[in-house]
Every structure is written in C-alpha cells, then in structure tokens.
C-alpha cells in the first residue's frame, strides 16, 4: 500500500493522523514558520502514543538552510538524543551556497550516525538542475524525497501546474524506482485524485490539506486524513488492477 505521511507539530496531531489512517508521521515544531526540530519531550510522547513509523525533522532554525558549524553540532546532538528513543528516520533539507544539496554536511551526519535513514525535504527544489539533484540525493543514500514539482525557475514565474507536472515526470523518470517519492504541496481530498492520476505517484505527504481550517495553525482533522487515505487506496488499487 502507498505511504500517507502526515505532518504533525503536536502530540494531538499525531494521534489524529494515525486514527485517520496515516501510515507515517513527520514530526516538527513551528509548522507555520516552515518547521524546526521538535523537542525531545514531544517526540518521546508521540512515540508512546502512536504505533506507526515516525520521521523527525532536523532543522535548528528558520533563518536559512545553509548550516553553520554550530548548527551542524546541534543537529548531531539532536539526532543522538532521538536515536535513544528508537527513532532512526530523519528529514533533512540542508543546502550549500549554490542551492544544491549540502553534501559535506550530509556526509558528516552520516559518518557520525551510521545506519540512520535519511529523508529529503522539498527544500531541495531550490536547485537549478533537477536531474543532478535527484542523482545526488540517491547517491547520498536518502530513503525518500518529497516534491510538489516546483523548482527555482518555476517559482520565479509564480508557478505553473503544467510545468510542475513536467518536473514531477522528470523526477520520476530520473529516480527509476531507486528512491521513494512522495507528492506534497497543496494536496487536499478535493484534488488528490487529480494529482495521483496525472503523476502516477501514489505516496503522499500532507500538511495543511488534513487540517481544519486548512492552514498551518490548525489541528489535524482525522476525517480529512481518512478521506484522502480512502481515495489514495482506491486509485492505487485501480492502478494495480489495470497493470495486471
């Protein structure tokens, strides 16, 4: 079955997401400001309250995504603390001065914490070269990546859904099933069918689309999670039946 990853920035969000049918929780704090590393206490409590897998955001602040030496030291210590809770999956989005994935920082994290599973945020979409970024993400050993199909050049023209679909197609073609791809960005129960059918990517990360009201300040609504999950499974099973 495809993955339905729901963004949670409270314990209550995580519980609601699981009850609605989410298969994974992406934990962070300060969702309205794009998200930072959650507290040890919150992750510990969510680990106690839900049974589905967790992926924890590692991002010390929202001033930027180019980490300083001190930022990196904080990240290494945060990962060490979360590992003691049994968490082994971490969401990263560090870039370098050119907007590309920060290979040096990611390699340092991997060397310090051998065996952890890395997952890529959508921040990588600041890249100017989609193919190169996908290949770099895979070569660095990331287990998954999230995309809305938006990229730097498309953002500069205020976005274009047709162009987004072209970018998603390019990402999928480049990845060739070597990494899990999750669709994200503006997905709701109303439009999820369109996204799934047009991209044929069935894994999802949902944030605002499962909240009531639909904004980053609101709590996760289990009924919205359930509605998206139902459509996701239905369309995926339809795809499987047509493939046989």
C-alpha atoms as a PDB file:
ATOM      1  CA  UNK A   1       0.000   0.000   0.000  1.00  0.00           C
ATOM      2  CA  UNK A   2       1.224   3.566  -0.657  1.00  0.00           C
ATOM      3  CA  UNK A   3       2.546   5.780   2.116  1.00  0.00           C
ATOM      4  CA  UNK A   4       0.433   8.561   3.620  1.00  0.00           C
ATOM      5  CA  UNK A   5       2.763  10.771   5.638  1.00  0.00           C
ATOM      6  CA  UNK A   6       1.082  13.471   7.725  1.00  0.00           C
ATOM      7  CA  UNK A   7       2.913  16.467   9.180  1.00  0.00           C
ATOM      8  CA  UNK A   8       2.361  16.817  12.931  1.00  0.00           C
ATOM      9  CA  UNK A   9       3.544  19.572  15.240  1.00  0.00           C
ATOM     10  CA  UNK A  10       1.653  18.444  18.345  1.00  0.00           C
ATOM     11  CA  UNK A  11       1.021  15.129  20.055  1.00  0.00           C
ATOM     12  CA  UNK A  12      -2.680  15.549  19.303  1.00  0.00           C
ATOM     13  CA  UNK A  13      -1.887  15.959  15.589  1.00  0.00           C
ATOM     14  CA  UNK A  14      -0.012  12.657  15.572  1.00  0.00           C
ATOM     15  CA  UNK A  15      -2.833  10.806  17.333  1.00  0.00           C
ATOM     16  CA  UNK A  16      -5.413  12.261  14.944  1.00  0.00           C
ATOM     17  CA  UNK A  17      -3.293  11.380  11.916  1.00  0.00           C
ATOM     18  CA  UNK A  18      -2.919   7.772  12.987  1.00  0.00           C
ATOM     19  CA  UNK A  19      -6.630   7.421  13.784  1.00  0.00           C
ATOM     20  CA  UNK A  20      -7.461   8.760  10.324  1.00  0.00           C
ATOM     21  CA  UNK A  21      -5.282   6.199   8.569  1.00  0.00           C
ATOM     22  CA  UNK A  22      -1.877   7.849   8.147  1.00  0.00           C
ATOM     23  CA  UNK A  23       0.956   5.369   7.708  1.00  0.00           C
ATOM     24  CA  UNK A  24       3.782   7.673   8.847  1.00  0.00           C
ATOM     25  CA  UNK A  25       4.128  10.854  10.901  1.00  0.00           C
ATOM     26  CA  UNK A  26       6.555  13.658  10.009  1.00  0.00           C
ATOM     27  CA  UNK A  27       7.239  15.414  13.326  1.00  0.00           C
ATOM     28  CA  UNK A  28       8.339  19.031  13.544  1.00  0.00           C
ATOM     29  CA  UNK A  29       7.746  22.165  15.570  1.00  0.00           C
ATOM     30  CA  UNK A  30       6.576  25.624  14.426  1.00  0.00           C
ATOM     31  CA  UNK A  31       4.853  24.374  11.280  1.00  0.00           C
ATOM     32  CA  UNK A  32       3.545  27.895  10.398  1.00  0.00           C
ATOM     33  CA  UNK A  33       7.148  29.078  10.004  1.00  0.00           C
ATOM     34  CA  UNK A  34       8.110  26.081   7.797  1.00  0.00           C
ATOM     35  CA  UNK A  35       9.248  23.906  10.705  1.00  0.00           C
ATOM     36  CA  UNK A  36      12.180  23.309  13.034  1.00  0.00           C
ATOM     37  CA  UNK A  37      13.458  20.348  15.017  1.00  0.00           C
ATOM     38  CA  UNK A  38      10.817  19.249  17.559  1.00  0.00           C
ATOM     39  CA  UNK A  39      11.566  18.906  21.261  1.00  0.00           C
ATOM     40  CA  UNK A  40      12.798  15.660  22.771  1.00  0.00           C
ATOM     41  CA  UNK A  41       9.735  15.599  25.009  1.00  0.00           C
ATOM     42  CA  UNK A  42       7.275  15.879  22.132  1.00  0.00           C
ATOM     43  CA  UNK A  43       8.955  13.127  20.118  1.00  0.00           C
ATOM     44  CA  UNK A  44       9.089  10.912  23.208  1.00  0.00           C
ATOM     45  CA  UNK A  45       5.393  11.438  23.884  1.00  0.00           C
ATOM     46  CA  UNK A  46       4.392  10.791  20.268  1.00  0.00           C
ATOM     47  CA  UNK A  47       6.495   7.630  20.301  1.00  0.00           C
ATOM     48  CA  UNK A  48       4.472   6.491  23.324  1.00  0.00           C
ATOM     49  CA  UNK A  49       1.087   7.395  21.852  1.00  0.00           C
ATOM     50  CA  UNK A  50       1.241   6.147  18.243  1.00  0.00           C
ATOM     51  CA  UNK A  51       2.383   2.900  16.668  1.00  0.00           C
ATOM     52  CA  UNK A  52       3.064   3.955  13.088  1.00  0.00           C
ATOM     53  CA  UNK A  53       6.572   4.935  11.921  1.00  0.00           C
ATOM     54  CA  UNK A  54       7.989   8.393  12.643  1.00  0.00           C
ATOM     55  CA  UNK A  55      10.341  10.643  10.712  1.00  0.00           C
ATOM     56  CA  UNK A  56      11.738  13.613  12.627  1.00  0.00           C
ATOM     57  CA  UNK A  57      12.723  16.915  11.053  1.00  0.00           C
ATOM     58  CA  UNK A  58      16.271  18.082  11.783  1.00  0.00           C
ATOM     59  CA  UNK A  59      16.437  21.842  11.267  1.00  0.00           C
ATOM     60  CA  UNK A  60      17.754  24.066  14.100  1.00  0.00           C
ATOM     61  CA  UNK A  61      16.102  27.332  12.973  1.00  0.00           C
ATOM     62  CA  UNK A  62      14.290  29.067  10.100  1.00  0.00           C
ATOM     63  CA  UNK A  63      16.882  31.737   9.274  1.00  0.00           C
ATOM     64  CA  UNK A  64      18.132  29.674   6.367  1.00  0.00           C
ATOM     65  CA  UNK A  65      19.076  26.191   5.227  1.00  0.00           C
ATOM     66  CA  UNK A  66      22.832  26.662   4.927  1.00  0.00           C
ATOM     67  CA  UNK A  67      24.037  25.348   8.298  1.00  0.00           C
ATOM     68  CA  UNK A  68      26.875  26.900  10.268  1.00  0.00           C
ATOM     69  CA  UNK A  69      29.365  24.827  12.252  1.00  0.00           C
ATOM     70  CA  UNK A  70      27.265  25.355  15.373  1.00  0.00           C
ATOM     71  CA  UNK A  71      24.068  24.431  13.525  1.00  0.00           C
ATOM     72  CA  UNK A  72      25.658  21.153  12.495  1.00  0.00           C
ATOM     73  CA  UNK A  73      26.806  20.410  16.041  1.00  0.00           C
ATOM     74  CA  UNK A  74      23.247  20.960  17.298  1.00  0.00           C
ATOM     75  CA  UNK A  75      21.879  18.631  14.615  1.00  0.00           C
ATOM     76  CA  UNK A  76      24.315  15.877  15.544  1.00  0.00           C
ATOM     77  CA  UNK A  77      23.321  16.101  19.202  1.00  0.00           C
ATOM     78  CA  UNK A  78      19.601  16.181  18.412  1.00  0.00           C
ATOM     79  CA  UNK A  79      19.885  13.056  16.276  1.00  0.00           C
ATOM     80  CA  UNK A  80      21.804  11.315  19.044  1.00  0.00           C
ATOM     81  CA  UNK A  81      19.017  12.135  21.516  1.00  0.00           C
ATOM     82  CA  UNK A  82      16.238  10.948  19.219  1.00  0.00           C
ATOM     83  CA  UNK A  83      18.062   7.703  18.455  1.00  0.00           C
ATOM     84  CA  UNK A  84      17.841   6.893  22.149  1.00  0.00           C
ATOM     85  CA  UNK A  85      14.047   6.980  21.750  1.00  0.00           C
ATOM     86  CA  UNK A  86      14.282   4.404  18.984  1.00  0.00           C
ATOM     87  CA  UNK A  87      13.848   6.932  16.179  1.00  0.00           C
ATOM     88  CA  UNK A  88      16.018   6.170  13.169  1.00  0.00           C
ATOM     89  CA  UNK A  89      14.450   8.229  10.372  1.00  0.00           C
ATOM     90  CA  UNK A  90      15.290  11.897   9.879  1.00  0.00           C
ATOM     91  CA  UNK A  91      14.067  14.567   7.472  1.00  0.00           C
ATOM     92  CA  UNK A  92      16.828  16.867   6.173  1.00  0.00           C
ATOM     93  CA  UNK A  93      16.935  19.845   3.830  1.00  0.00           C
ATOM     94  CA  UNK A  94      20.402  21.378   4.058  1.00  0.00           C
ATOM     95  CA  UNK A  95      21.784  23.221   1.045  1.00  0.00           C
ATOM     96  CA  UNK A  96      25.040  24.936   0.112  1.00  0.00           C
ATOM     97  CA  UNK A  97      25.690  28.430  -1.247  1.00  0.00           C
ATOM     98  CA  UNK A  98      24.655  27.354  -4.754  1.00  0.00           C
ATOM     99  CA  UNK A  99      21.300  25.969  -3.613  1.00  0.00           C
ATOM    100  CA  UNK A 100      22.374  22.365  -4.125  1.00  0.00           C
ATOM    101  CA  UNK A 101      22.237  19.628  -1.517  1.00  0.00           C
ATOM    102  CA  UNK A 102      24.957  20.219   1.069  1.00  0.00           C
ATOM    103  CA  UNK A 103      26.956  17.060   0.506  1.00  0.00           C
ATOM    104  CA  UNK A 104      29.609  17.845   3.129  1.00  0.00           C
ATOM    105  CA  UNK A 105      27.048  18.361   5.894  1.00  0.00           C
ATOM    106  CA  UNK A 106      25.063  15.264   4.970  1.00  0.00           C
ATOM    107  CA  UNK A 107      28.211  13.135   4.821  1.00  0.00           C
ATOM    108  CA  UNK A 108      29.226  14.447   8.258  1.00  0.00           C
ATOM    109  CA  UNK A 109      25.839  13.483   9.692  1.00  0.00           C
ATOM    110  CA  UNK A 110      26.038  10.029   8.114  1.00  0.00           C
ATOM    111  CA  UNK A 111      29.547   9.462   9.437  1.00  0.00           C
ATOM    112  CA  UNK A 112      28.555  10.484  12.959  1.00  0.00           C
ATOM    113  CA  UNK A 113      25.380   8.394  12.972  1.00  0.00           C
ATOM    114  CA  UNK A 114      25.979   5.298  10.901  1.00  0.00           C
ATOM    115  CA  UNK A 115      22.824   3.415   9.974  1.00  0.00           C
ATOM    116  CA  UNK A 116      20.232   6.180  10.261  1.00  0.00           C
ATOM    117  CA  UNK A 117      17.713   6.623   7.447  1.00  0.00           C
ATOM    118  CA  UNK A 118      17.758   9.998   5.718  1.00  0.00           C
ATOM    119  CA  UNK A 119      14.720  11.546   4.039  1.00  0.00           C
ATOM    120  CA  UNK A 120      14.806  14.667   1.848  1.00  0.00           C
ATOM    121  CA  UNK A 121      12.603  17.747   2.361  1.00  0.00           C
ATOM    122  CA  UNK A 122      11.189  19.804  -0.503  1.00  0.00           C
ATOM    123  CA  UNK A 123      13.833  22.465   0.139  1.00  0.00           C
ATOM    124  CA  UNK A 124      15.972  20.665  -2.456  1.00  0.00           C
ATOM    125  CA  UNK A 125      13.661  22.210  -5.063  1.00  0.00           C
ATOM    126  CA  UNK A 126      15.747  25.378  -4.861  1.00  0.00           C
ATOM    127  CA  UNK A 127      18.066  23.572  -7.246  1.00  0.00           C
ATOM    128  CA  UNK A 128      18.603  24.695 -10.833  1.00  0.00           C
ATOM    129  CA  UNK A 129      19.337  21.135 -12.015  1.00  0.00           C
ATOM    130  CA  UNK A 130      16.638  18.599 -11.158  1.00  0.00           C
ATOM    131  CA  UNK A 131      18.344  15.541 -12.646  1.00  0.00           C
ATOM    132  CA  UNK A 132      21.603  16.237 -10.829  1.00  0.00           C
ATOM    133  CA  UNK A 133      19.816  16.806  -7.540  1.00  0.00           C
ATOM    134  CA  UNK A 134      17.860  13.564  -7.807  1.00  0.00           C
ATOM    135  CA  UNK A 135      21.031  11.633  -8.618  1.00  0.00           C
ATOM    136  CA  UNK A 136      22.892  13.279  -5.725  1.00  0.00           C
ATOM    137  CA  UNK A 137      20.045  12.522  -3.319  1.00  0.00           C
ATOM    138  CA  UNK A 138      20.121   8.863  -4.325  1.00  0.00           C
ATOM    139  CA  UNK A 139      23.925   8.625  -4.195  1.00  0.00           C
ATOM    140  CA  UNK A 140      23.893  10.041  -0.655  1.00  0.00           C
ATOM    141  CA  UNK A 141      21.676   7.162   0.418  1.00  0.00           C
ATOM    142  CA  UNK A 142      18.423   9.017   1.092  1.00  0.00           C
ATOM    143  CA  UNK A 143      15.448   6.690   1.504  1.00  0.00           C
ATOM    144  CA  UNK A 144      12.805   9.141   0.252  1.00  0.00           C
ATOM    145  CA  UNK A 145      12.267  12.548  -1.276  1.00  0.00           C
ATOM    146  CA  UNK A 146       9.247  14.888  -1.340  1.00  0.00           C
ATOM    147  CA  UNK A 147       8.208  17.061  -4.271  1.00  0.00           C
ATOM    148  CA  UNK A 148       5.457  19.371  -5.449  1.00  0.00           C
ATOM    149  CA  UNK A 149       7.147  19.603  -8.824  1.00  0.00           C
ATOM    150  CA  UNK A 150       8.011  23.203  -8.109  1.00  0.00           C
ATOM    151  CA  UNK A 151      11.592  24.328  -8.677  1.00  0.00           C
ATOM    152  CA  UNK A 152      13.617  27.530  -8.650  1.00  0.00           C
ATOM    153  CA  UNK A 153      12.947  28.510 -12.255  1.00  0.00           C
ATOM    154  CA  UNK A 154       9.242  27.737 -11.950  1.00  0.00           C
ATOM    155  CA  UNK A 155       8.963  29.666  -8.681  1.00  0.00           C
ATOM    156  CA  UNK A 156      10.386  32.733 -10.366  1.00  0.00           C
ATOM    157  CA  UNK A 157       7.436  32.688 -12.778  1.00  0.00           C
ATOM    158  CA  UNK A 158       4.900  32.318  -9.943  1.00  0.00           C
ATOM    159  CA  UNK A 159       4.476  28.604 -10.513  1.00  0.00           C
ATOM    160  CA  UNK A 160       2.719  26.685 -13.264  1.00  0.00           C
ATOM    161  CA  UNK A 161       0.876  23.421 -12.624  1.00  0.00           C
ATOM    162  CA  UNK A 162       1.693  22.141 -16.113  1.00  0.00           C
ATOM    163  CA  UNK A 163       5.368  22.845 -15.517  1.00  0.00           C
ATOM    164  CA  UNK A 164       5.112  21.201 -12.084  1.00  0.00           C
ATOM    165  CA  UNK A 165       3.770  18.036 -13.717  1.00  0.00           C
ATOM    166  CA  UNK A 166       6.653  18.074 -16.194  1.00  0.00           C
ATOM    167  CA  UNK A 167       9.119  18.387 -13.319  1.00  0.00           C
ATOM    168  CA  UNK A 168       7.470  15.551 -11.394  1.00  0.00           C
ATOM    169  CA  UNK A 169       7.658  13.388 -14.514  1.00  0.00           C
ATOM    170  CA  UNK A 170      11.360  14.235 -14.851  1.00  0.00           C
ATOM    171  CA  UNK A 171      11.986  13.393 -11.184  1.00  0.00           C
ATOM    172  CA  UNK A 172      10.186  10.065 -11.506  1.00  0.00           C
ATOM    173  CA  UNK A 173      11.971   9.198 -14.735  1.00  0.00           C
ATOM    174  CA  UNK A 174      15.367  10.052 -13.233  1.00  0.00           C
ATOM    175  CA  UNK A 175      14.722   8.180  -9.980  1.00  0.00           C
ATOM    176  CA  UNK A 176      13.694   4.957 -11.753  1.00  0.00           C
ATOM    177  CA  UNK A 177      12.270   3.407  -8.570  1.00  0.00           C
ATOM    178  CA  UNK A 178      15.600   3.813  -6.743  1.00  0.00           C
ATOM    179  CA  UNK A 179      14.086   6.063  -4.064  1.00  0.00           C
ATOM    180  CA  UNK A 180      10.624   6.567  -2.578  1.00  0.00           C
ATOM    181  CA  UNK A 181       8.968   9.716  -3.954  1.00  0.00           C
ATOM    182  CA  UNK A 182       6.167  11.470  -2.062  1.00  0.00           C
ATOM    183  CA  UNK A 183       3.934  14.110  -3.602  1.00  0.00           C
ATOM    184  CA  UNK A 184       3.387  17.151  -1.406  1.00  0.00           C
ATOM    185  CA  UNK A 185       2.226  20.750  -1.616  1.00  0.00           C
ATOM    186  CA  UNK A 186      -1.411  21.836  -1.658  1.00  0.00           C
ATOM    187  CA  UNK A 187      -2.937  18.361  -1.771  1.00  0.00           C
ATOM    188  CA  UNK A 188      -6.473  18.029  -0.371  1.00  0.00           C
ATOM    189  CA  UNK A 189      -9.308  15.500  -0.508  1.00  0.00           C
ATOM    190  CA  UNK A 190     -10.785  17.524  -3.377  1.00  0.00           C
ATOM    191  CA  UNK A 191      -7.744  17.478  -5.647  1.00  0.00           C
ATOM    192  CA  UNK A 192      -5.865  14.354  -4.564  1.00  0.00           C
ATOM    193  CA  UNK A 193      -7.431  12.227  -7.291  1.00  0.00           C
ATOM    194  CA  UNK A 194      -6.151  14.628  -9.964  1.00  0.00           C
ATOM    195  CA  UNK A 195      -2.636  14.624  -8.504  1.00  0.00           C
ATOM    196  CA  UNK A 196      -2.485  10.833  -8.256  1.00  0.00           C
ATOM    197  CA  UNK A 197      -3.871  10.143 -11.720  1.00  0.00           C
ATOM    198  CA  UNK A 198      -1.751  12.742 -13.514  1.00  0.00           C
ATOM    199  CA  UNK A 199       1.546  11.865 -11.820  1.00  0.00           C
ATOM    200  CA  UNK A 200       1.064   8.115 -11.147  1.00  0.00           C
ATOM    201  CA  UNK A 201       2.963   8.705  -7.902  1.00  0.00           C
ATOM    202  CA  UNK A 202       0.884   7.311  -5.052  1.00  0.00           C
ATOM    203  CA  UNK A 203       2.881   8.182  -1.933  1.00  0.00           C
ATOM    204  CA  UNK A 204       1.804  11.414  -0.251  1.00  0.00           C
ATOM    205  CA  UNK A 205       2.956  13.888   2.371  1.00  0.00           C
ATOM    206  CA  UNK A 206       0.093  16.084   3.579  1.00  0.00           C
ATOM    207  CA  UNK A 207       0.192  19.145   5.814  1.00  0.00           C
ATOM    208  CA  UNK A 208      -2.474  21.846   5.504  1.00  0.00           C
ATOM    209  CA  UNK A 209      -4.740  19.584   3.462  1.00  0.00           C
ATOM    210  CA  UNK A 210      -5.680  17.493   6.505  1.00  0.00           C
ATOM    211  CA  UNK A 211      -6.236  20.414   8.888  1.00  0.00           C
ATOM    212  CA  UNK A 212      -9.448  22.217   9.801  1.00  0.00           C
ATOM    213  CA  UNK A 213      -9.455  25.051   8.858  1.00  0.00           C
ATOM    214  CA  UNK A 214      -6.940  24.340   6.081  1.00  0.00           C
ATOM    215  CA  UNK A 215      -3.976  26.320   7.371  1.00  0.00           C
ATOM    216  CA  UNK A 216      -0.766  25.571   9.223  1.00  0.00           C
ATOM    217  CA  UNK A 217      -2.108  26.919  12.535  1.00  0.00           C
ATOM    218  CA  UNK A 218      -4.976  24.407  12.702  1.00  0.00           C
ATOM    219  CA  UNK A 219      -5.069  20.870  14.136  1.00  0.00           C
ATOM    220  CA  UNK A 220      -5.046  17.700  12.074  1.00  0.00           C
ATOM    221  CA  UNK A 221      -8.559  16.501  11.287  1.00  0.00           C
ATOM    222  CA  UNK A 222      -8.802  12.676  11.277  1.00  0.00           C
ATOM    223  CA  UNK A 223     -11.821  12.811   8.959  1.00  0.00           C
ATOM    224  CA  UNK A 224      -9.776  14.641   6.317  1.00  0.00           C
ATOM    225  CA  UNK A 225      -6.949  12.149   6.746  1.00  0.00           C
ATOM    226  CA  UNK A 226      -9.424   9.306   6.266  1.00  0.00           C
ATOM    227  CA  UNK A 227     -10.929  10.930   3.164  1.00  0.00           C
ATOM    228  CA  UNK A 228      -7.538  11.293   1.498  1.00  0.00           C
ATOM    229  CA  UNK A 229      -6.472   7.800   2.523  1.00  0.00           C
ATOM    230  CA  UNK A 230      -9.626   6.280   1.086  1.00  0.00           C
ATOM    231  CA  UNK A 231      -9.124   7.953  -2.298  1.00  0.00           C
ATOM    232  CA  UNK A 232      -5.407   7.161  -2.274  1.00  0.00           C
ATOM    233  CA  UNK A 233      -6.004   3.440  -1.729  1.00  0.00           C
ATOM    234  CA  UNK A 234      -8.862   3.306  -4.235  1.00  0.00           C
ATOM    235  CA  UNK A 235      -6.846   4.900  -7.033  1.00  0.00           C
ATOM    236  CA  UNK A 236      -3.761   2.822  -6.209  1.00  0.00           C
ATOM    237  CA  UNK A 237      -5.762  -0.418  -6.305  1.00  0.00           C
ATOM    238  CA  UNK A 238      -7.324   0.665  -9.593  1.00  0.00           C
ATOM    239  CA  UNK A 239      -3.821   1.223 -10.955  1.00  0.00           C
ATOM    240  CA  UNK A 240      -2.748  -2.258  -9.807  1.00  0.00           C
ATOM    241  CA  UNK A 241      -5.757  -3.922 -11.418  1.00  0.00           C
ATOM    242  CA  UNK A 242      -5.081  -2.149 -14.725  1.00  0.00           C
ATOM    243  CA  UNK A 243      -1.430  -3.197 -14.596  1.00  0.00           C
ATOM    244  CA  UNK A 244      -2.233  -6.907 -14.363  1.00  0.00           C
END
